Amino acid sequence: MKYTMKMIWDDEVCRWHCESDEAPGFLLESNSFDGLIERVRIGLPDFLIETGYSGDIHINFISERIDSVKSVAV
């Protein structure tokens, strides 16, 4: 089954978190993007086994990062 993981940067807490419509309730976070990908690769199969799923898992990672920047008058 294909799972789309949305990787979202939270500027307020300086951490990445993920969410997926195909795996409701599966939430992880990390201070690094690569660290979160590894956590998902390990954690998602375990989460799905607990919910009764068995089979192949294909993960599509989509990232979103929005930053706020104050303008400086020159």
N, C-alpha and C. Protein backbone atom coordinates (compact mmCIF):
# COMPACT_ATOMS: atom_id res chain seq x y z
N MET A 1 0.84 -1.18 0.00
CA MET A 1 0.00 0.00 0.00
C MET A 1 0.89 1.25 0.00
N LYS A 2 0.41 2.32 -0.61
CA LYS A 2 1.16 3.56 -0.70
C LYS A 2 0.71 4.52 0.40
N TYR A 3 1.68 5.08 1.10
CA TYR A 3 1.42 6.06 2.15
C TYR A 3 2.14 7.35 1.80
N THR A 4 1.43 8.45 1.89
CA THR A 4 2.02 9.76 1.67
C THR A 4 2.24 10.41 3.04
N MET A 5 3.50 10.69 3.34
CA MET A 5 3.86 11.34 4.60
C MET A 5 4.16 12.80 4.31
N LYS A 6 3.40 13.67 4.93
CA LYS A 6 3.65 15.10 4.83
C LYS A 6 4.63 15.47 5.93
N MET A 7 5.79 15.97 5.53
CA MET A 7 6.82 16.38 6.47
C MET A 7 6.74 17.91 6.59
N ILE A 8 6.42 18.40 7.78
CA ILE A 8 6.13 19.82 7.97
C ILE A 8 7.07 20.42 9.00
N TRP A 9 7.69 21.52 8.63
CA TRP A 9 8.58 22.26 9.53
C TRP A 9 7.75 23.19 10.39
N ASP A 10 7.95 23.12 11.71
CA ASP A 10 7.29 24.03 12.65
C ASP A 10 8.31 25.05 13.11
N ASP A 11 8.21 26.26 12.60
CA ASP A 11 9.18 27.31 12.87
C ASP A 11 9.18 27.73 14.35
N GLU A 12 8.04 27.60 15.00
CA GLU A 12 7.94 28.02 16.40
C GLU A 12 8.77 27.14 17.33
N VAL A 13 8.79 25.85 17.08
CA VAL A 13 9.52 24.92 17.95
C VAL A 13 10.78 24.36 17.28
N CYS A 14 11.03 24.79 16.05
CA CYS A 14 12.21 24.37 15.28
C CYS A 14 12.32 22.85 15.19
N ARG A 15 11.22 22.21 14.77
CA ARG A 15 11.19 20.76 14.63
C ARG A 15 10.35 20.39 13.42
N TRP A 16 10.68 19.24 12.83
CA TRP A 16 9.89 18.64 11.77
C TRP A 16 8.88 17.70 12.41
N HIS A 17 7.67 17.63 11.86
CA HIS A 17 6.71 16.60 12.25
C HIS A 17 6.06 16.05 10.99
N CYS A 18 5.44 14.90 11.12
CA CYS A 18 4.83 14.28 9.95
C CYS A 18 3.38 13.91 10.25
N GLU A 19 2.64 13.80 9.18
CA GLU A 19 1.25 13.34 9.27
C GLU A 19 0.88 12.67 7.96
N SER A 20 -0.12 11.80 8.03
CA SER A 20 -0.56 11.08 6.84
C SER A 20 -2.05 10.79 6.94
N ASP A 21 -2.77 11.09 5.86
CA ASP A 21 -4.20 10.77 5.82
C ASP A 21 -4.42 9.27 5.78
N GLU A 22 -3.46 8.53 5.23
CA GLU A 22 -3.60 7.07 5.12
C GLU A 22 -3.28 6.35 6.43
N ALA A 23 -2.64 7.03 7.37
CA ALA A 23 -2.30 6.42 8.66
C ALA A 23 -2.69 7.38 9.78
N PRO A 24 -4.01 7.58 9.97
CA PRO A 24 -4.44 8.50 11.03
C PRO A 24 -3.95 8.05 12.40
N GLY A 25 -3.46 9.01 13.16
CA GLY A 25 -2.94 8.70 14.48
C GLY A 25 -1.44 8.47 14.51
N PHE A 26 -0.83 8.32 13.34
CA PHE A 26 0.61 8.13 13.28
C PHE A 26 1.27 9.50 13.22
N LEU A 27 1.92 9.89 14.29
CA LEU A 27 2.56 11.20 14.39
C LEU A 27 3.95 11.04 14.98
N LEU A 28 4.93 11.60 14.31
CA LEU A 28 6.30 11.61 14.82
C LEU A 28 6.89 12.99 14.61
N GLU A 29 7.96 13.28 15.34
CA GLU A 29 8.67 14.54 15.14
C GLU A 29 10.15 14.33 15.37
N SER A 30 10.94 15.27 14.85
CA SER A 30 12.39 15.21 15.00
C SER A 30 12.95 16.60 14.72
N ASN A 31 14.15 16.85 15.22
CA ASN A 31 14.75 18.15 14.96
C ASN A 31 15.47 18.18 13.61
N SER A 32 15.58 17.04 12.93
CA SER A 32 16.20 17.03 11.60
C SER A 32 15.28 16.30 10.61
N PHE A 33 15.32 16.75 9.38
CA PHE A 33 14.50 16.15 8.32
C PHE A 33 14.90 14.69 8.09
N ASP A 34 16.21 14.45 7.95
CA ASP A 34 16.68 13.08 7.72
C ASP A 34 16.37 12.18 8.91
N GLY A 35 16.47 12.73 10.11
CA GLY A 35 16.14 11.95 11.30
C GLY A 35 14.68 11.54 11.32
N LEU A 36 13.80 12.44 10.86
CA LEU A 36 12.38 12.11 10.82
C LEU A 36 12.09 11.05 9.77
N ILE A 37 12.75 11.13 8.63
CA ILE A 37 12.56 10.09 7.61
C ILE A 37 12.93 8.72 8.17
N GLU A 38 14.04 8.63 8.87
CA GLU A 38 14.44 7.35 9.47
C GLU A 38 13.44 6.88 10.51
N ARG A 39 12.94 7.80 11.32
CA ARG A 39 11.94 7.42 12.33
C ARG A 39 10.68 6.89 11.67
N VAL A 40 10.25 7.50 10.56
CA VAL A 40 9.06 7.03 9.84
C VAL A 40 9.31 5.65 9.23
N ARG A 41 10.48 5.47 8.62
CA ARG A 41 10.80 4.17 8.00
C ARG A 41 10.77 3.03 9.01
N ILE A 42 11.13 3.32 10.25
CA ILE A 42 11.11 2.30 11.30
C ILE A 42 9.74 2.22 11.97
N GLY A 43 9.15 3.38 12.24
CA GLY A 43 7.92 3.42 13.03
C GLY A 43 6.65 3.08 12.28
N LEU A 44 6.57 3.45 11.00
CA LEU A 44 5.33 3.19 10.27
C LEU A 44 5.01 1.71 10.14
N PRO A 45 5.95 0.85 9.77
CA PRO A 45 5.62 -0.58 9.72
C PRO A 45 5.13 -1.12 11.07
N ASP A 46 5.78 -0.71 12.15
CA ASP A 46 5.34 -1.16 13.48
C ASP A 46 3.93 -0.68 13.78
N PHE A 47 3.64 0.58 13.45
CA PHE A 47 2.31 1.15 13.67
C PHE A 47 1.26 0.37 12.87
N LEU A 48 1.58 0.07 11.62
CA LEU A 48 0.61 -0.63 10.76
C LEU A 48 0.38 -2.06 11.21
N ILE A 49 1.41 -2.72 11.70
CA ILE A 49 1.24 -4.08 12.22
C ILE A 49 0.28 -4.07 13.40
N GLU A 50 0.42 -3.05 14.27
CA GLU A 50 -0.48 -2.93 15.43
C GLU A 50 -1.92 -2.70 15.01
N THR A 51 -2.13 -2.08 13.84
CA THR A 51 -3.49 -1.83 13.38
C THR A 51 -4.02 -2.95 12.48
N GLY A 52 -3.21 -4.04 12.32
CA GLY A 52 -3.67 -5.21 11.59
C GLY A 52 -3.25 -5.28 10.14
N TYR A 53 -2.47 -4.32 9.64
CA TYR A 53 -2.05 -4.35 8.24
C TYR A 53 -0.81 -5.21 8.08
N SER A 54 -0.78 -5.98 7.01
CA SER A 54 0.43 -6.70 6.64
C SER A 54 0.55 -6.62 5.13
N GLY A 55 1.74 -6.37 4.66
CA GLY A 55 1.96 -6.26 3.22
C GLY A 55 3.05 -5.25 2.94
N ASP A 56 3.25 -4.98 1.67
CA ASP A 56 4.27 -4.02 1.27
C ASP A 56 3.84 -2.60 1.62
N ILE A 57 4.82 -1.77 1.94
CA ILE A 57 4.58 -0.38 2.28
C ILE A 57 5.46 0.48 1.38
N HIS A 58 4.84 1.41 0.68
CA HIS A 58 5.57 2.37 -0.14
C HIS A 58 5.29 3.75 0.44
N ILE A 59 6.35 4.48 0.77
CA ILE A 59 6.20 5.78 1.44
C ILE A 59 6.64 6.88 0.49
N ASN A 60 5.75 7.83 0.27
CA ASN A 60 6.03 9.01 -0.52
C ASN A 60 6.18 10.18 0.46
N PHE A 61 7.39 10.73 0.56
CA PHE A 61 7.66 11.84 1.48
C PHE A 61 7.48 13.16 0.74
N ILE A 62 6.65 14.03 1.31
CA ILE A 62 6.43 15.37 0.76
C ILE A 62 6.78 16.36 1.86
N SER A 63 7.63 17.33 1.56
CA SER A 63 8.03 18.28 2.60
C SER A 63 7.43 19.65 2.36
N GLU A 64 7.19 20.35 3.46
CA GLU A 64 6.68 21.70 3.43
C GLU A 64 7.37 22.50 4.52
N ARG A 65 7.93 23.63 4.12
CA ARG A 65 8.59 24.48 5.11
C ARG A 65 8.23 25.92 4.82
N ILE A 66 7.70 26.59 5.82
CA ILE A 66 7.32 27.99 5.69
C ILE A 66 8.07 28.75 6.77
N ASP A 67 8.81 29.76 6.36
CA ASP A 67 9.56 30.59 7.30
C ASP A 67 9.04 32.02 7.26
N SER A 68 9.13 32.68 8.38
CA SER A 68 8.80 34.11 8.46
C SER A 68 10.10 34.89 8.58
N VAL A 69 10.20 35.95 7.81
CA VAL A 69 11.39 36.78 7.81
C VAL A 69 10.97 38.23 7.98
N LYS A 70 11.61 38.92 8.91
CA LYS A 70 11.31 40.34 9.11
C LYS A 70 12.12 41.15 8.11
N SER A 71 11.47 42.13 7.52
CA SER A 71 12.20 42.99 6.59
C SER A 71 13.01 44.02 7.37
N VAL A 72 14.10 44.41 6.79
CA VAL A 72 15.01 45.37 7.43
C VAL A 72 15.03 46.62 6.56
N ALA A 73 14.70 47.75 7.19
CA ALA A 73 14.72 49.01 6.44
C ALA A 73 16.16 49.42 6.17
N VAL A 74 16.40 49.87 4.96
CA VAL A 74 17.76 50.27 4.57
C VAL A 74 17.85 51.77 4.50
